[in-house]
PDB file of N, CA and C in Angstrom:
ATOM      1  N   UNK A   1    -146.487 -48.644-142.592  1.00  0.00           N
ATOM      2  CA  UNK A   1    -147.193 -49.768-142.996  1.00  0.00           C
ATOM      3  C   UNK A   1    -148.419 -48.195-142.092  1.00  0.00           C
ATOM      4  N   UNK A   2    -149.558 -47.797-143.318  1.00  0.00           N
ATOM      5  CA  UNK A   2    -150.343 -46.714-142.877  1.00  0.00           C
ATOM      6  C   UNK A   2    -151.526 -47.581-142.128  1.00  0.00           C
ATOM      7  N   UNK A   3    -152.204 -47.171-141.064  1.00  0.00           N
ATOM      8  CA  UNK A   3    -153.030 -47.952-140.605  1.00  0.00           C
ATOM      9  C   UNK A   3    -154.770 -47.349-140.965  1.00  0.00           C
ATOM     10  N   UNK A   4    -155.189 -48.404-140.704  1.00  0.00           N
ATOM     11  CA  UNK A   4    -156.975 -48.079-141.024  1.00  0.00           C
ATOM     12  C   UNK A   4    -158.120 -48.256-140.123  1.00  0.00           C
ATOM     13  N   UNK A   5    -159.222 -47.877-140.322  1.00  0.00           N
ATOM     14  CA  UNK A   5    -160.087 -47.584-139.084  1.00  0.00           C
ATOM     15  C   UNK A   5    -160.983 -48.764-139.417  1.00  0.00           C
ATOM     16  N   UNK A   6    -162.078 -49.041-138.943  1.00  0.00           N
ATOM     17  CA  UNK A   6    -162.910 -50.046-139.054  1.00  0.00           C
ATOM     18  C   UNK A   6    -164.172 -49.032-138.797  1.00  0.00           C
ATOM     19  N   UNK A   7    -165.480 -49.563-139.318  1.00  0.00           N
ATOM     20  CA  UNK A   7    -166.404 -48.542-139.236  1.00  0.00           C
ATOM     21  C   UNK A   7    -167.139 -48.383-137.391  1.00  0.00           C
ATOM     22  N   UNK A   8    -167.423 -47.209-137.395  1.00  0.00           N
ATOM     23  CA  UNK A   8    -168.128 -47.470-136.075  1.00  0.00           C
ATOM     24  C   UNK A   8    -168.937 -48.650-135.474  1.00  0.00           C
ATOM     25  N   UNK A   9    -169.107 -48.948-134.325  1.00  0.00           N
ATOM     26  CA  UNK A   9    -169.876 -50.034-133.960  1.00  0.00           C
ATOM     27  C   UNK A   9    -170.830 -50.045-133.260  1.00  0.00           C
ATOM     28  N   UNK A  10    -172.492 -49.748-133.847  1.00  0.00           N
ATOM     29  CA  UNK A  10    -173.247 -49.618-133.222  1.00  0.00           C
ATOM     30  C   UNK A  10    -173.630 -50.482-132.090  1.00  0.00           C
ATOM     31  N   UNK A  11    -173.945 -50.322-130.776  1.00  0.00           N
ATOM     32  CA  UNK A  11    -174.437 -51.086-129.764  1.00  0.00           C
ATOM     33  C   UNK A  11    -175.279 -51.009-128.674  1.00  0.00           C
ATOM     34  N   UNK A  12    -175.813 -52.105-127.970  1.00  0.00           N
ATOM     35  CA  UNK A  12    -176.771 -51.581-126.865  1.00  0.00           C
ATOM     36  C   UNK A  12    -175.507 -51.273-125.990  1.00  0.00           C
ATOM     37  N   UNK A  13    -176.352 -50.285-124.912  1.00  0.00           N
ATOM     38  CA  UNK A  13    -175.251 -49.939-123.839  1.00  0.00           C
ATOM     39  C   UNK A  13    -175.261 -51.226-123.093  1.00  0.00           C
ATOM     40  N   UNK A  14    -175.546 -52.093-122.794  1.00  0.00           N
ATOM     41  CA  UNK A  14    -175.724 -53.006-122.159  1.00  0.00           C
ATOM     42  C   UNK A  14    -174.237 -53.937-122.539  1.00  0.00           C
ATOM     43  N   UNK A  15    -174.182 -53.793-124.026  1.00  0.00           N
ATOM     44  CA  UNK A  15    -172.954 -54.533-124.502  1.00  0.00           C
ATOM     45  C   UNK A  15    -171.684 -53.976-124.288  1.00  0.00           C
ATOM     46  N   UNK A  16    -171.706 -52.649-124.415  1.00  0.00           N
ATOM     47  CA  UNK A  16    -171.028 -51.688-124.041  1.00  0.00           C
ATOM     48  C   UNK A  16    -169.893 -52.248-122.540  1.00  0.00           C
ATOM     49  N   UNK A  17    -171.242 -51.994-121.525  1.00  0.00           N
ATOM     50  CA  UNK A  17    -170.803 -52.425-120.311  1.00  0.00           C
ATOM     51  C   UNK A  17    -170.186 -53.446-120.165  1.00  0.00           C
ATOM     52  N   UNK A  18    -170.497 -54.274-120.584  1.00  0.00           N
ATOM     53  CA  UNK A  18    -170.402 -56.275-120.800  1.00  0.00           C
ATOM     54  C   UNK A  18    -169.092 -55.963-120.749  1.00  0.00           C
ATOM     55  N   UNK A  19    -168.696 -55.475-122.093  1.00  0.00           N
ATOM     56  CA  UNK A  19    -167.237 -55.298-122.853  1.00  0.00           C
ATOM     57  C   UNK A  19    -166.385 -54.465-121.292  1.00  0.00           C
ATOM     58  N   UNK A  20    -166.411 -53.496-121.174  1.00  0.00           N
ATOM     59  CA  UNK A  20    -166.016 -52.913-120.175  1.00  0.00           C
ATOM     60  C   UNK A  20    -165.858 -53.530-118.958  1.00  0.00           C
ATOM     61  N   UNK A  21    -166.280 -54.057-118.432  1.00  0.00           N
ATOM     62  CA  UNK A  21    -166.103 -54.560-117.219  1.00  0.00           C
ATOM     63  C   UNK A  21    -165.045 -55.715-117.365  1.00  0.00           C
ATOM     64  N   UNK A  22    -164.988 -56.367-118.375  1.00  0.00           N
ATOM     65  CA  UNK A  22    -164.209 -57.175-118.190  1.00  0.00           C
ATOM     66  C   UNK A  22    -162.646 -57.372-118.954  1.00  0.00           C
ATOM     67  N   UNK A  23    -162.688 -55.664-119.605  1.00  0.00           N
ATOM     68  CA  UNK A  23    -161.190 -55.082-119.340  1.00  0.00           C
ATOM     69  C   UNK A  23    -160.207 -55.600-118.582  1.00  0.00           C
ATOM     70  N   UNK A  24    -158.813 -55.594-119.432  1.00  0.00           N
ATOM     71  CA  UNK A  24    -158.205 -56.414-118.478  1.00  0.00           C
ATOM     72  C   UNK A  24    -157.289 -55.260-118.090  1.00  0.00           C
ATOM     73  N   UNK A  25    -156.589 -55.484-116.807  1.00  0.00           N
ATOM     74  CA  UNK A  25    -155.712 -53.714-116.702  1.00  0.00           C
ATOM     75  C   UNK A  25    -154.491 -53.378-117.457  1.00  0.00           C
ATOM     76  N   UNK A  26    -154.843 -51.922-118.128  1.00  0.00           N
ATOM     77  CA  UNK A  26    -154.303 -51.406-119.265  1.00  0.00           C
ATOM     78  C   UNK A  26    -155.356 -52.033-120.615  1.00  0.00           C
ATOM     79  N   UNK A  27    -155.769 -52.625-120.307  1.00  0.00           N
ATOM     80  CA  UNK A  27    -156.448 -52.517-121.512  1.00  0.00           C
ATOM     81  C   UNK A  27    -157.477 -51.631-121.761  1.00  0.00           C
ATOM     82  N   UNK A  28    -157.687 -51.368-123.210  1.00  0.00           N
ATOM     83  CA  UNK A  28    -158.232 -50.429-124.005  1.00  0.00           C
ATOM     84  C   UNK A  28    -159.482 -51.427-124.345  1.00  0.00           C
ATOM     85  N   UNK A  29    -161.039 -50.658-124.697  1.00  0.00           N
ATOM     86  CA  UNK A  29    -162.204 -50.873-125.191  1.00  0.00           C
ATOM     87  C   UNK A  29    -161.532 -51.424-126.832  1.00  0.00           C
ATOM     88  N   UNK A  30    -160.646 -50.081-127.660  1.00  0.00           N
ATOM     89  CA  UNK A  30    -159.973 -50.595-128.790  1.00  0.00           C
ATOM     90  C   UNK A  30    -159.256 -51.927-128.573  1.00  0.00           C
ATOM     91  N   UNK A  31    -158.481 -52.107-127.856  1.00  0.00           N
ATOM     92  CA  UNK A  31    -157.877 -52.795-128.284  1.00  0.00           C
ATOM     93  C   UNK A  31    -158.425 -54.049-127.782  1.00  0.00           C
ATOM     94  N   UNK A  32    -159.079 -54.328-127.396  1.00  0.00           N
ATOM     95  CA  UNK A  32    -160.330 -55.344-126.905  1.00  0.00           C
ATOM     96  C   UNK A  32    -160.903 -55.743-127.980  1.00  0.00           C
ATOM     97  N   UNK A  33    -161.531 -54.674-128.888  1.00  0.00           N
ATOM     98  CA  UNK A  33    -162.253 -55.151-129.672  1.00  0.00           C
ATOM     99  C   UNK A  33    -161.616 -55.584-131.446  1.00  0.00           C
ATOM    100  N   UNK A  34    -160.098 -55.051-131.320  1.00  0.00           N
ATOM    101  CA  UNK A  34    -159.133 -55.461-132.018  1.00  0.00           C
ATOM    102  C   UNK A  34    -159.007 -56.988-132.201  1.00  0.00           C
ATOM    103  N   UNK A  35    -158.615 -57.080-130.721  1.00  0.00           N
ATOM    104  CA  UNK A  35    -158.141 -58.545-130.321  1.00  0.00           C
ATOM    105  C   UNK A  35    -159.521 -59.632-130.693  1.00  0.00           C
ATOM    106  N   UNK A  36    -160.936 -59.193-130.292  1.00  0.00           N
ATOM    107  CA  UNK A  36    -161.792 -60.229-130.621  1.00  0.00           C
ATOM    108  C   UNK A  36    -161.814 -60.241-131.730  1.00  0.00           C
ATOM    109  N   UNK A  37    -161.059 -59.135-133.150  1.00  0.00           N
ATOM    110  CA  UNK A  37    -161.597 -59.548-134.661  1.00  0.00           C
ATOM    111  C   UNK A  37    -160.427 -60.164-135.111  1.00  0.00           C
ATOM    112  N   UNK A  38    -159.374 -60.086-134.346  1.00  0.00           N
ATOM    113  CA  UNK A  38    -157.897 -60.891-135.128  1.00  0.00           C
ATOM    114  C   UNK A  38    -158.666 -62.594-134.620  1.00  0.00           C
ATOM    115  N   UNK A  39    -159.046 -62.454-133.660  1.00  0.00           N
ATOM    116  CA  UNK A  39    -159.114 -64.009-132.985  1.00  0.00           C
ATOM    117  C   UNK A  39    -160.536 -64.372-133.898  1.00  0.00           C
ATOM    118  N   UNK A  40    -160.993 -63.673-134.218  1.00  0.00           N
ATOM    119  CA  UNK A  40    -162.340 -64.435-135.191  1.00  0.00           C
ATOM    120  C   UNK A  40    -161.461 -64.915-136.262  1.00  0.00           C
ATOM    121  N   UNK A  41    -161.242 -63.647-136.954  1.00  0.00           N
ATOM    122  CA  UNK A  41    -160.378 -63.684-138.620  1.00  0.00           C
ATOM    123  C   UNK A  41    -159.775 -65.344-138.372  1.00  0.00           C
ATOM    124  N   UNK A  42    -159.359 -65.455-137.468  1.00  0.00           N
ATOM    125  CA  UNK A  42    -158.261 -66.966-137.454  1.00  0.00           C
ATOM    126  C   UNK A  42    -158.831 -67.434-137.226  1.00  0.00           C
ATOM    127  N   UNK A  43    -160.017 -67.809-136.221  1.00  0.00           N
ATOM    128  CA  UNK A  43    -160.875 -69.412-136.227  1.00  0.00           C
ATOM    129  C   UNK A  43    -161.495 -68.912-137.224  1.00  0.00           C
ATOM    130  N   UNK A  44    -162.045 -68.305-138.204  1.00  0.00           N
ATOM    131  CA  UNK A  44    -162.550 -68.530-139.605  1.00  0.00           C
ATOM    132  C   UNK A  44    -161.980 -69.274-140.351  1.00  0.00           C
ATOM    133  N   UNK A  45    -160.446 -68.667-141.075  1.00  0.00           N
ATOM    134  CA  UNK A  45    -159.675 -69.202-141.425  1.00  0.00           C
ATOM    135  C   UNK A  45    -159.033 -70.466-141.174  1.00  0.00           C
ATOM    136  N   UNK A  46    -159.282 -71.041-139.850  1.00  0.00           N
ATOM    137  CA  UNK A  46    -158.856 -72.822-139.751  1.00  0.00           C
ATOM    138  C   UNK A  46    -159.928 -73.318-140.228  1.00  0.00           C
ATOM    139  N   UNK A  47    -161.118 -72.639-140.014  1.00  0.00           N
ATOM    140  CA  UNK A  47    -162.631 -73.663-140.512  1.00  0.00           C
ATOM    141  C   UNK A  47    -162.394 -73.835-141.704  1.00  0.00           C
ATOM    142  N   UNK A  48    -162.200 -72.691-142.872  1.00  0.00           N
ATOM    143  CA  UNK A  48    -162.201 -72.737-144.179  1.00  0.00           C
ATOM    144  C   UNK A  48    -161.088 -73.701-144.449  1.00  0.00           C
ATOM    145  N   UNK A  49    -159.972 -73.455-143.690  1.00  0.00           N
ATOM    146  CA  UNK A  49    -158.746 -74.572-144.228  1.00  0.00           C
ATOM    147  C   UNK A  49    -158.970 -76.270-143.436  1.00  0.00           C
ATOM    148  N   UNK A  50    -159.696 -76.195-143.107  1.00  0.00           N
ATOM    149  CA  UNK A  50    -160.369 -77.589-141.833  1.00  0.00           C
ATOM    150  C   UNK A  50    -161.235 -78.162-142.749  1.00  0.00           C
ATOM    151  N   UNK A  51    -162.006 -76.932-143.508  1.00  0.00           N
ATOM    152  CA  UNK A  51    -163.399 -77.839-144.220  1.00  0.00           C
ATOM    153  C   UNK A  51    -162.889 -77.989-146.357  1.00  0.00           C
ATOM    154  N   UNK A  52    -161.659 -77.306-146.200  1.00  0.00           N
ATOM    155  CA  UNK A  52    -161.138 -77.627-147.839  1.00  0.00           C
ATOM    156  C   UNK A  52    -160.042 -78.862-147.439  1.00  0.00           C
ATOM    157  N   UNK A  53    -159.534 -79.465-146.017  1.00  0.00           N
ATOM    158  CA  UNK A  53    -158.867 -80.629-145.894  1.00  0.00           C
ATOM    159  C   UNK A  53    -159.776 -81.564-146.416  1.00  0.00           C
ATOM    160  N   UNK A  54    -161.076 -81.512-145.395  1.00  0.00           N
ATOM    161  CA  UNK A  54    -161.967 -82.622-145.470  1.00  0.00           C
ATOM    162  C   UNK A  54    -162.615 -83.105-146.689  1.00  0.00           C
ATOM    163  N   UNK A  55    -163.119 -81.560-147.464  1.00  0.00           N
ATOM    164  CA  UNK A  55    -163.247 -81.992-148.956  1.00  0.00           C
ATOM    165  C   UNK A  55    -162.146 -82.734-150.194  1.00  0.00           C
ATOM    166  N   UNK A  56    -161.214 -81.754-149.812  1.00  0.00           N
ATOM    167  CA  UNK A  56    -159.870 -82.891-150.531  1.00  0.00           C
ATOM    168  C   UNK A  56    -159.563 -84.066-149.903  1.00  0.00           C
ATOM    169  N   UNK A  57    -160.233 -84.494-148.819  1.00  0.00           N
ATOM    170  CA  UNK A  57    -160.073 -85.977-148.379  1.00  0.00           C
ATOM    171  C   UNK A  57    -161.356 -86.995-148.864  1.00  0.00           C
ATOM    172  N   UNK A  58    -162.412 -86.233-148.758  1.00  0.00           N
ATOM    173  CA  UNK A  58    -163.445 -86.437-149.579  1.00  0.00           C
ATOM    174  C   UNK A  58    -163.634 -86.698-151.410  1.00  0.00           C
ATOM    175  N   UNK A  59    -163.058 -86.190-151.618  1.00  0.00           N
ATOM    176  CA  UNK A  59    -162.372 -86.083-153.018  1.00  0.00           C
ATOM    177  C   UNK A  59    -161.939 -87.275-153.628  1.00  0.00           C
ATOM    178  N   UNK A  60    -160.633 -87.384-152.398  1.00  0.00           N
ATOM    179  CA  UNK A  60    -159.617 -87.915-153.345  1.00  0.00           C
ATOM    180  C   UNK A  60    -159.987 -89.801-152.432  1.00  0.00           C
ATOM    181  N   UNK A  61    -160.817 -89.838-151.380  1.00  0.00           N
ATOM    182  CA  UNK A  61    -161.553 -90.843-151.267  1.00  0.00           C
ATOM    183  C   UNK A  61    -162.526 -91.322-152.528  1.00  0.00           C
ATOM    184  N   UNK A  62    -162.804 -90.340-152.929  1.00  0.00           N
ATOM    185  CA  UNK A  62    -164.250 -91.150-153.858  1.00  0.00           C
ATOM    186  C   UNK A  62    -163.042 -91.435-155.305  1.00  0.00           C
ATOM    187  N   UNK A  63    -161.727 -90.674-155.519  1.00  0.00           N
ATOM    188  CA  UNK A  63    -161.557 -91.028-156.590  1.00  0.00           C
ATOM    189  C   UNK A  63    -161.004 -92.435-156.580  1.00  0.00           C
ATOM    190  N   UNK A  64    -160.115 -93.109-155.219  1.00  0.00           N
ATOM    191  CA  UNK A  64    -159.206 -93.963-155.180  1.00  0.00           C
ATOM    192  C   UNK A  64    -160.143 -95.319-154.461  1.00  0.00           C
ATOM    193  N   UNK A  65    -161.581 -94.858-154.210  1.00  0.00           N
ATOM    194  CA  UNK A  65    -162.523 -95.698-153.500  1.00  0.00           C
ATOM    195  C   UNK A  65    -162.174 -96.385-151.818  1.00  0.00           C
ATOM    196  N   UNK A  66    -161.152 -95.871-151.695  1.00  0.00           N
ATOM    197  CA  UNK A  66    -160.769 -96.248-150.150  1.00  0.00           C
ATOM    198  C   UNK A  66    -161.399 -95.488-148.922  1.00  0.00           C
ATOM    199  N   UNK A  67    -162.232 -96.210-148.587  1.00  0.00           N
ATOM    200  CA  UNK A  67    -162.699 -95.229-147.551  1.00  0.00           C
ATOM    201  C   UNK A  67    -162.286 -95.954-146.195  1.00  0.00           C
ATOM    202  N   UNK A  68    -162.964 -95.254-144.743  1.00  0.00           N
ATOM    203  CA  UNK A  68    -162.544 -95.737-143.434  1.00  0.00           C
ATOM    204  C   UNK A  68    -164.016 -95.657-142.943  1.00  0.00           C
ATOM    205  N   UNK A  69    -164.503 -96.917-142.537  1.00  0.00           N
ATOM    206  CA  UNK A  69    -165.395 -97.011-141.676  1.00  0.00           C
ATOM    207  C   UNK A  69    -165.806 -96.026-140.860  1.00  0.00           C
ATOM    208  N   UNK A  70    -166.942 -95.632-140.698  1.00  0.00           N
ATOM    209  CA  UNK A  70    -166.945 -94.309-139.292  1.00  0.00           C
ATOM    210  C   UNK A  70    -166.635 -95.537-138.056  1.00  0.00           C
ATOM    211  N   UNK A  71    -167.291 -97.039-138.039  1.00  0.00           N
ATOM    212  CA  UNK A  71    -167.188 -97.666-136.963  1.00  0.00           C
ATOM    213  C   UNK A  71    -165.609 -98.097-136.851  1.00  0.00           C
ATOM    214  N   UNK A  72    -165.000 -97.883-137.319  1.00  0.00           N
ATOM    215  CA  UNK A  72    -163.718 -98.184-137.628  1.00  0.00           C
ATOM    216  C   UNK A  72    -162.715 -96.823-136.928  1.00  0.00           C
ATOM    217  N   UNK A  73    -163.167 -95.416-137.098  1.00  0.00           N
ATOM    218  CA  UNK A  73    -162.580 -94.691-137.010  1.00  0.00           C
ATOM    219  C   UNK A  73    -163.524 -94.129-135.624  1.00  0.00           C
ATOM    220  N   UNK A  74    -164.772 -94.646-134.880  1.00  0.00           N
ATOM    221  CA  UNK A  74    -164.656 -94.534-133.899  1.00  0.00           C
ATOM    222  C   UNK A  74    -164.270 -95.194-132.841  1.00  0.00           C
ATOM    223  N   UNK A  75    -164.083 -96.565-133.196  1.00  0.00           N
ATOM    224  CA  UNK A  75    -163.202 -97.619-132.442  1.00  0.00           C
ATOM    225  C   UNK A  75    -162.149 -97.273-132.187  1.00  0.00           C
ATOM    226  N   UNK A  76    -160.690 -96.542-133.279  1.00  0.00           N
ATOM    227  CA  UNK A  76    -159.792 -95.967-133.046  1.00  0.00           C
ATOM    228  C   UNK A  76    -160.155 -94.653-131.809  1.00  0.00           C
ATOM    229  N   UNK A  77    -160.590 -93.953-131.969  1.00  0.00           N
ATOM    230  CA  UNK A  77    -160.782 -92.984-131.103  1.00  0.00           C
ATOM    231  C   UNK A  77    -161.251 -93.403-129.556  1.00  0.00           C
ATOM    232  N   UNK A  78    -162.159 -94.364-128.983  1.00  0.00           N
ATOM    233  CA  UNK A  78    -162.539 -95.170-128.494  1.00  0.00           C
ATOM    234  C   UNK A  78    -160.585 -95.277-127.542  1.00  0.00           C
ATOM    235  N   UNK A  79    -160.319 -96.687-128.326  1.00  0.00           N
ATOM    236  CA  UNK A  79    -158.865 -96.703-127.780  1.00  0.00           C
ATOM    237  C   UNK A  79    -157.862 -95.553-127.242  1.00  0.00           C
ATOM    238  N   UNK A  80    -157.973 -94.685-128.267  1.00  0.00           N
ATOM    239  CA  UNK A  80    -156.791 -93.668-127.714  1.00  0.00           C
ATOM    240  C   UNK A  80    -157.919 -92.852-126.675  1.00  0.00           C
ATOM    241  N   UNK A  81    -159.200 -92.586-126.322  1.00  0.00           N
ATOM    242  CA  UNK A  81    -159.392 -91.779-125.273  1.00  0.00           C
ATOM    243  C   UNK A  81    -158.764 -92.599-124.055  1.00  0.00           C
ATOM    244  N   UNK A  82    -159.322 -94.541-124.148  1.00  0.00           N
ATOM    245  CA  UNK A  82    -158.974 -95.208-123.150  1.00  0.00           C
ATOM    246  C   UNK A  82    -157.650 -95.021-122.882  1.00  0.00           C
ATOM    247  N   UNK A  83    -156.761 -95.185-123.812  1.00  0.00           N
ATOM    248  CA  UNK A  83    -154.873 -94.716-123.130  1.00  0.00           C
ATOM    249  C   UNK A  83    -155.166 -93.575-122.540  1.00  0.00           C
ATOM    250  N   UNK A  84    -155.845 -92.337-122.953  1.00  0.00           N
ATOM    251  CA  UNK A  84    -155.091 -91.710-122.506  1.00  0.00           C
ATOM    252  C   UNK A  84    -155.865 -91.469-121.033  1.00  0.00           C
ATOM    253  N   UNK A  85    -157.089 -91.499-120.804  1.00  0.00           N
ATOM    254  CA  UNK A  85    -157.513 -92.020-119.317  1.00  0.00           C
ATOM    255  C   UNK A  85    -156.592 -92.878-118.726  1.00  0.00           C
ATOM    256  N   UNK A  86    -156.177 -93.741-119.281  1.00  0.00           N
ATOM    257  CA  UNK A  86    -155.481 -94.978-118.497  1.00  0.00           C
ATOM    258  C   UNK A  86    -154.117 -94.721-118.260  1.00  0.00           C
ATOM    259  N   UNK A  87    -153.506 -93.041-118.702  1.00  0.00           N
ATOM    260  CA  UNK A  87    -152.083 -92.526-118.030  1.00  0.00           C
ATOM    261  C   UNK A  87    -152.106 -91.522-117.612  1.00  0.00           C
ATOM    262  N   UNK A  88    -153.345 -90.916-116.537  1.00  0.00           N
ATOM    263  CA  UNK A  88    -153.713 -90.178-116.037  1.00  0.00           C
ATOM    264  C   UNK A  88    -153.017 -90.503-114.549  1.00  0.00           C
TER     265      UNK A  88
END
């Protein structure tokens, strides 16, 4: 597979210095930027999938007329949290 490049990134000297200061051993600024781009893409894909599932769920609820009240959901979550805290 051929490789491609991203356009040059213009930034402040302070931002570049901050990035260089947190590089791990053997890590280059280019590899850091590439990893940051990959992670950002993954986060955005997950967010888009989450929104799509939510919209589908909303549409299914509207179509079926079956809803779960917010109080019911919060109650279940509180029970799960209490159970998880009790199991520590």
